[in-house]
Protein backbone atom coordinates (compact mmCIF):
# COMPACT_ATOMS: atom_id res chain seq x y z
CA MET A 1 0.00 0.00 0.00
CA GLY A 2 1.29 3.48 -0.84
CA ARG A 3 1.14 6.50 1.39
CA PRO A 4 -2.40 7.97 1.57
CA ASP A 5 -1.17 11.52 0.85
CA LEU A 6 0.32 10.53 -2.51
CA ASP A 7 -1.63 9.08 -5.44
CA THR A 8 -0.91 8.20 -9.04
CA ALA A 9 -1.91 11.69 -10.18
CA ASP A 10 0.72 13.22 -7.87
CA LEU A 11 3.26 10.75 -9.19
CA ALA A 12 2.45 11.55 -12.82
CA GLN A 13 2.88 15.26 -12.12
CA VAL A 14 6.28 14.96 -10.46
CA LEU A 15 7.46 12.55 -13.17
CA HIS A 16 6.69 15.32 -15.64
CA THR A 17 8.21 18.25 -13.74
CA GLY A 18 11.01 16.60 -11.73
CA PRO A 19 13.44 16.89 -10.15
CA PHE A 20 14.74 13.33 -10.24
CA HIS A 21 15.02 12.75 -6.50
CA LEU A 22 11.46 13.91 -5.81
CA ALA A 23 10.13 11.73 -8.63
CA LEU A 24 11.99 8.70 -7.27
CA ARG A 25 10.78 9.40 -3.75
CA ALA A 26 7.17 9.74 -4.95
CA ALA A 27 7.37 6.50 -6.94
CA LEU A 28 8.72 4.61 -3.93
CA ALA A 29 5.96 6.03 -1.74
CA VAL A 30 3.14 5.25 -4.17
CA ARG A 31 4.37 1.70 -4.76
CA GLY A 32 4.98 1.20 -1.04
CA LEU A 33 8.34 -0.47 -1.56
CA PRO A 34 11.05 -0.17 1.13
CA LEU A 35 14.57 0.37 -0.13
CA GLN A 36 15.69 -3.10 0.95
CA ARG A 37 12.98 -4.61 -1.24
CA VAL A 38 13.95 -2.42 -4.16
CA GLN A 39 17.56 -3.49 -3.76
CA HIS A 40 16.39 -7.12 -3.82
CA HIS A 41 14.47 -6.59 -7.07
CA LEU A 42 17.50 -4.93 -8.68
CA ALA A 43 19.78 -7.76 -7.57
CA HIS A 44 17.46 -10.23 -9.33
CA ARG A 45 18.12 -8.24 -12.51
CA GLY A 46 21.87 -8.54 -11.99
CA ILE A 47 22.29 -4.96 -10.76
CA LYS A 48 24.05 -4.26 -7.48
CA VAL A 49 23.13 -1.00 -5.77
CA GLY A 50 23.50 -0.31 -2.07
CA VAL A 51 20.57 0.77 0.09
CA THR A 52 22.65 3.80 1.08
CA SER A 53 23.01 4.86 -2.56
CA LEU A 54 19.27 4.47 -3.15
CA SER A 55 18.62 6.55 -0.05
CA TYR A 56 21.01 9.28 -1.23
CA TRP A 57 19.32 9.31 -4.65
CA GLN A 58 15.86 9.87 -3.24
CA GLN A 59 17.12 12.54 -0.84
CA GLY A 60 18.95 14.43 -3.57
CA ALA A 61 22.24 14.09 -1.68
CA ARG A 62 23.77 12.26 -4.64
CA ARG A 63 22.88 11.90 -8.29
CA PRO A 64 23.28 8.74 -10.42
CA GLN A 65 25.75 9.57 -13.19
CA ARG A 66 28.03 6.60 -13.86
CA PRO A 67 26.99 4.06 -16.53
CA GLU A 68 26.20 1.37 -13.95
CA SER A 69 24.11 3.83 -11.94
CA LEU A 70 22.15 4.85 -15.04
CA ARG A 71 21.54 1.19 -15.78
CA ALA A 72 20.13 0.85 -12.28
CA VAL A 73 17.81 3.83 -12.87
CA ARG A 74 16.42 2.19 -16.02
CA ALA A 75 15.79 -0.97 -14.02
CA LEU A 76 14.09 1.09 -11.32
CA GLU A 77 11.55 2.21 -13.92
CA GLU A 78 10.59 -1.45 -14.36
CA VAL A 79 10.63 -2.27 -10.65
CA LEU A 80 8.46 0.73 -9.81
CA GLU A 81 6.16 0.16 -12.84
CA LEU A 82 6.93 3.53 -14.38
CA PRO A 83 6.83 4.56 -18.05
CA GLY A 84 10.07 3.94 -19.93
CA ASN A 85 12.61 6.77 -19.61
CA SER A 86 10.43 8.60 -17.08
CA LEU A 87 13.26 8.73 -14.53
CA THR A 88 16.25 8.74 -16.89
CA ARG A 89 14.97 11.78 -18.80
CA LEU A 90 14.88 13.73 -15.53
CA LEU A 91 18.58 13.08 -15.15
CA GLY A 92 19.27 14.69 -18.54
CA VAL A 93 22.19 12.34 -19.12
CA GLY A 94 25.34 14.34 -19.81
CA GLU A 95 23.92 17.56 -18.35
CA ARG A 96 24.17 19.08 -14.91
CA GLY A 97 21.38 19.31 -12.31
CA ALA A 98 18.44 21.67 -11.76
CA GLY A 99 19.27 25.31 -11.58
CA LEU A 100 22.61 24.73 -13.29
CA ASP A 101 21.71 25.24 -16.91
CA VAL A 102 25.11 24.99 -18.56
CA GLU A 103 25.63 26.76 -21.87
CA ARG A 104 27.53 24.24 -23.99
CA PRO A 105 28.15 25.05 -27.65
CA ALA A 106 26.79 21.88 -29.22
CA GLY A 107 29.03 22.14 -32.27
CA ARG A 108 32.05 21.12 -30.22
CA SER A 109 33.28 17.55 -30.13
CA TYR A 110 31.92 14.96 -27.72
CA ARG A 111 35.38 14.77 -26.15
CA SER A 112 35.33 18.53 -25.56
CA LEU A 113 31.84 18.35 -24.05
CA ALA A 114 32.88 15.51 -21.74
CA GLU A 115 35.87 17.55 -20.60
CA VAL A 116 33.66 20.55 -19.90
CA SER A 117 31.22 18.39 -17.92
CA GLY A 118 34.08 17.05 -15.79
CA VAL A 119 35.43 20.56 -15.16
CA VAL A 120 32.01 21.82 -14.09
CA GLU A 121 31.66 18.92 -11.67
CA ARG A 122 35.09 19.62 -10.16
CA LEU A 123 34.42 23.32 -9.74
CA LEU A 124 31.06 22.64 -8.09
CA THR A 125 32.65 20.06 -5.81
CA ASP A 126 35.33 22.60 -4.88
CA MET A 127 32.53 24.98 -3.88
CA GLU A 128 30.91 22.21 -1.80
CA THR A 129 27.69 22.55 -3.75
CA PRO A 130 24.91 19.99 -3.12
CA THR A 131 23.64 18.11 -6.15
CA ASP A 132 20.11 19.32 -5.45
CA THR A 133 20.16 23.12 -5.50
CA GLY A 134 16.57 23.22 -4.20
CA LEU A 135 15.33 25.39 -7.09
CA HIS A 136 13.09 24.97 -10.12
CA THR A 137 13.04 27.52 -12.95
CA VAL A 138 9.66 29.20 -13.42
CA GLY A 139 10.82 31.63 -16.11
CA HIS A 140 14.09 32.76 -17.63
CA HIS A 141 14.67 35.64 -20.06
CA GLU A 142 18.20 35.70 -21.44
CA ARG A 143 19.74 38.46 -23.59
CA VAL A 144 22.96 37.71 -25.48
CA ARG A 145 25.07 40.43 -27.14
CA ILE A 146 27.35 39.80 -30.12
CA GLY A 147 29.95 42.51 -30.82
CA ALA A 148 31.45 44.17 -33.86
CA GLY A 149 34.22 41.56 -33.92
CA ARG A 150 31.59 38.77 -34.01
CA GLU A 151 32.50 37.90 -30.41
CA LEU A 152 30.14 37.15 -27.51
CA VAL A 153 30.34 40.45 -25.64
CA GLY A 154 28.11 39.38 -22.77
CA ARG A 155 24.75 38.13 -21.61
CA ASP A 156 22.17 39.19 -19.02
CA SER A 157 19.53 37.04 -17.36
CA GLN A 158 16.31 37.79 -15.54
CA HIS A 159 15.44 34.60 -13.70
CA VAL A 160 12.40 33.49 -11.70
CA VAL A 161 12.81 30.38 -9.56
CA ARG A 162 10.71 28.43 -7.05
CA ALA A 163 12.21 26.69 -4.01
CA HIS A 164 11.20 23.07 -3.39
CA ARG A 165 12.78 22.94 0.06
CA ASP A 166 13.32 25.39 2.92
CA GLY A 167 16.45 27.46 3.38
CA VAL A 168 17.54 27.99 -0.26
CA ASP A 169 19.47 31.26 -0.52
CA ARG A 170 21.67 31.05 -3.64
CA TYR A 171 21.89 30.15 -7.30
CA LEU A 172 24.90 28.93 -9.28
CA ALA A 173 25.29 30.38 -12.77
CA ILE A 174 27.67 28.75 -15.24
CA HIS A 175 29.18 30.51 -18.25
CA HIS A 176 30.97 28.65 -21.06
CA GLY A 177 32.87 31.02 -23.30
CA ASP A 178 33.64 30.51 -26.97
CA PRO A 179 37.05 29.10 -28.02
CA GLY A 180 39.79 31.53 -26.97
CA CYS A 181 37.81 32.81 -23.98
CA ASP A 182 39.89 33.87 -20.97
CA PRO A 183 37.65 33.24 -17.94
CA ALA A 184 40.05 35.19 -15.71
CA LEU A 185 38.82 38.32 -17.52
CA VAL A 186 35.11 37.43 -17.51
CA ARG A 187 33.21 39.74 -15.14
CA VAL A 188 30.14 38.65 -13.17
CA SER A 189 27.43 41.20 -12.34
CA ALA A 190 24.68 40.83 -9.74
CA LEU A 191 22.01 43.05 -11.28
CA GLU A 192 18.87 42.59 -9.20
CA ASN A 193 17.91 41.05 -5.83
CA CYS A 194 21.22 39.21 -5.41
CA ARG A 195 24.91 39.73 -4.80
CA THR A 196 27.99 37.94 -6.10
CA GLY A 197 29.53 35.27 -3.88
CA ARG A 198 32.33 32.89 -4.82
CA VAL A 199 33.56 32.73 -8.41
CA ARG A 200 35.61 29.85 -9.82
CA TRP A 201 36.98 29.39 -13.35
CA HIS A 202 38.97 27.01 -15.54
CA ARG A 203 41.15 28.60 -18.21
CA GLU A 204 41.53 25.66 -20.61
CA THR A 205 37.79 25.13 -21.10
CA GLY A 206 36.63 28.74 -20.66
CA ILE A 207 34.28 27.80 -17.82
CA THR A 208 33.22 30.30 -15.13
CA VAL A 209 31.02 29.34 -12.17
CA ALA A 210 29.49 32.17 -10.14
CA GLU A 211 27.57 31.98 -6.89
CA LEU A 212 24.69 34.46 -6.66
CA LEU A 213 23.47 35.06 -3.10
CA PHE A 214 19.81 35.97 -2.60
CA ASP A 215 18.64 38.77 -0.33
CA ALA A 216 16.49 36.31 1.64
CA ARG A 217 16.23 32.62 2.47
CA LEU A 218 13.33 30.97 0.66
CA ARG A 219 10.76 28.63 2.12
CA ALA A 220 9.52 25.67 0.10
CA GLY A 221 7.04 26.89 -2.52
CA GLU A 222 8.26 30.50 -2.54
CA THR A 223 9.28 32.18 -5.79
CA TYR A 224 12.17 34.60 -6.27
CA LEU A 225 13.12 36.98 -9.08
CA PHE A 226 16.73 38.00 -9.62
CA GLY A 227 19.00 39.27 -12.37
CA TYR A 228 22.65 38.69 -13.21
CA GLY A 229 25.07 38.93 -16.11
CA PHE A 230 28.43 37.90 -17.53
CA GLU A 231 30.66 40.34 -19.43
CA ASP A 232 32.96 38.38 -21.72
CA GLY A 233 34.30 39.65 -25.05
CA THR A 234 37.46 37.54 -24.73
CA GLY A 235 36.66 34.69 -27.14
CA GLY A 236 36.87 34.29 -30.89
CA PRO A 237 34.01 34.64 -33.39
CA SER A 238 30.74 33.24 -32.06
CA SER A 239 28.39 31.20 -34.24
CA GLU A 240 25.75 29.98 -31.76
CA TYR A 241 24.31 30.20 -28.28
CA VAL A 242 23.15 26.98 -26.65
CA ARG A 243 21.46 26.20 -23.35
CA GLY A 244 20.94 22.74 -21.87
CA PHE A 245 18.03 21.86 -19.58
CA THR A 246 18.14 18.88 -17.27
CA PHE A 247 14.58 19.21 -15.97
CA ALA A 248 11.24 20.32 -17.32
CA GLY A 249 10.49 23.91 -16.38
CA GLY A 250 8.66 27.10 -17.20
CA GLN A 251 9.10 29.63 -19.98
CA TYR A 252 12.49 30.28 -21.56
CA VAL A 253 13.16 33.29 -23.79
CA LEU A 254 16.47 33.71 -25.63
CA GLN A 255 17.24 36.96 -27.44
CA VAL A 256 20.44 37.48 -29.44
CA ARG A 257 21.43 41.04 -30.40
CA PHE A 258 24.07 41.71 -33.06
CA ASP A 259 26.22 44.80 -33.50
CA GLU A 260 25.02 46.81 -36.49
CA GLY A 261 28.50 46.47 -38.01
CA ALA A 262 28.44 42.65 -37.88
CA LEU A 263 25.11 41.22 -38.97
CA PRO A 264 24.79 37.49 -39.76
CA ALA A 265 23.66 36.19 -43.15
CA ARG A 266 21.25 33.62 -41.65
CA CYS A 267 19.91 32.68 -38.19
CA ARG A 268 18.13 29.51 -37.08
CA ARG A 269 16.46 28.19 -33.98
CA PHE A 270 17.12 24.50 -33.18
CA ALA A 271 16.55 21.83 -30.54
CA GLN A 272 18.40 18.66 -29.54
CA ALA A 273 17.40 15.78 -27.30
CA THR A 274 20.99 15.39 -26.00
CA THR A 275 24.43 16.77 -26.82
CA GLY A 276 25.17 13.81 -29.09
CA ALA A 277 21.86 13.87 -30.95
CA PRO A 278 21.32 15.57 -34.32
CA ARG A 279 19.83 19.03 -34.30
CA GLY A 280 16.15 19.12 -35.15
CA ALA A 281 13.16 21.47 -35.17
CA ARG A 282 15.20 23.94 -37.22
CA THR A 283 13.37 27.17 -37.97
CA ALA A 284 14.70 30.20 -39.82
CA LEU A 285 14.65 33.38 -37.76
CA THR A 286 14.30 36.88 -39.21
CA LEU A 287 16.37 39.74 -37.81
CA SER A 288 14.12 42.39 -36.30
CA GLY A 289 14.48 45.54 -34.22
CA ARG A 290 16.20 47.51 -37.01
CA HIS A 291 17.54 44.15 -38.25
CA ARG A 292 19.68 43.47 -35.19
CA THR A 293 17.92 40.87 -33.01
CA VAL A 294 16.46 37.38 -33.18
CA HIS A 295 14.73 35.43 -30.43
CA LEU A 296 13.05 32.19 -29.47
CA VAL A 297 10.31 31.50 -26.90
CA GLU A 298 9.72 28.09 -25.34
CA GLN A 299 6.58 28.11 -23.20
CA GLY A 300 7.21 24.84 -21.36
CA VAL A 301 10.83 23.72 -21.33
CA ARG A 302 11.51 19.99 -21.54
CA PRO A 303 14.82 18.24 -20.80
CA GLY A 304 17.17 18.73 -23.73
CA ILE A 305 18.90 21.56 -25.56
CA LEU A 306 17.65 24.76 -27.16
CA GLY A 307 19.66 27.29 -29.09
CA ILE A 308 20.13 29.74 -31.91
CA ASP A 309 22.94 29.47 -34.46
CA TRP A 310 23.93 31.74 -37.30
CA ASP A 311 26.15 32.00 -40.38
CA TRP A 312 28.38 34.99 -41.05
CA GLU A 313 28.70 34.39 -44.79
């Protein structure tokens, strides 16, 4: 018997919205299976996972990432009688957790992307950041500026989040510069309702991680609006802007503004299921606002990748 305060409708909702640990916890509650029993079912399928690991997964203290752990998650979908990929899609394999929407130029090689992912993990570990940031994105409006030298000059974000646990008081923003970027020269700006905390960077990959401290601690269910930005301008010519989403979320708006002295020949919106998947849903975008801006609007973000790319010739 499952818990009386959770039903299949609740489970279906959290499987859609995430995050992973809450979905796993809800599935365990609805099915009424103790962790020892779940471990037993997995062992029968030839998968060895400790009760402690399962407990950490449902608490959000750890996140399954290794191949054997992901195999266990797929088996959990069978054990808990869930739709195929309902848990694995919430992990956004190859991407980082909720609230850490990493911009990863998808045109780079898989090896490069794997290196970036490892660097991000190390920087976050160095900052003693929990896997579960405690935040869901309700809405995000991002403005990217491309300069006269075709470089990414900077980007500003207005972000609305909702806390899913008490005590959340910060957000971690991650910037991935274009090839040639010097993250030591990238400047972080706390623009609205936040202040800059710790900043870490990795020169070889052009990664910058910035901690943005809220003006108040949030209670579970509370929303918060804040703004921040990165001033870059240190990389080579830019040809795309890409954002990865691990979890389903609210509205995302991406606007790219070009210097009037460096206008692209063509612009396209695209989507990808994962970093290794082919780009689909390509749509031509027309420059507007005196022929200098293009944008995309996604009303309900799903796990995957969204972006805009452009050709200079």
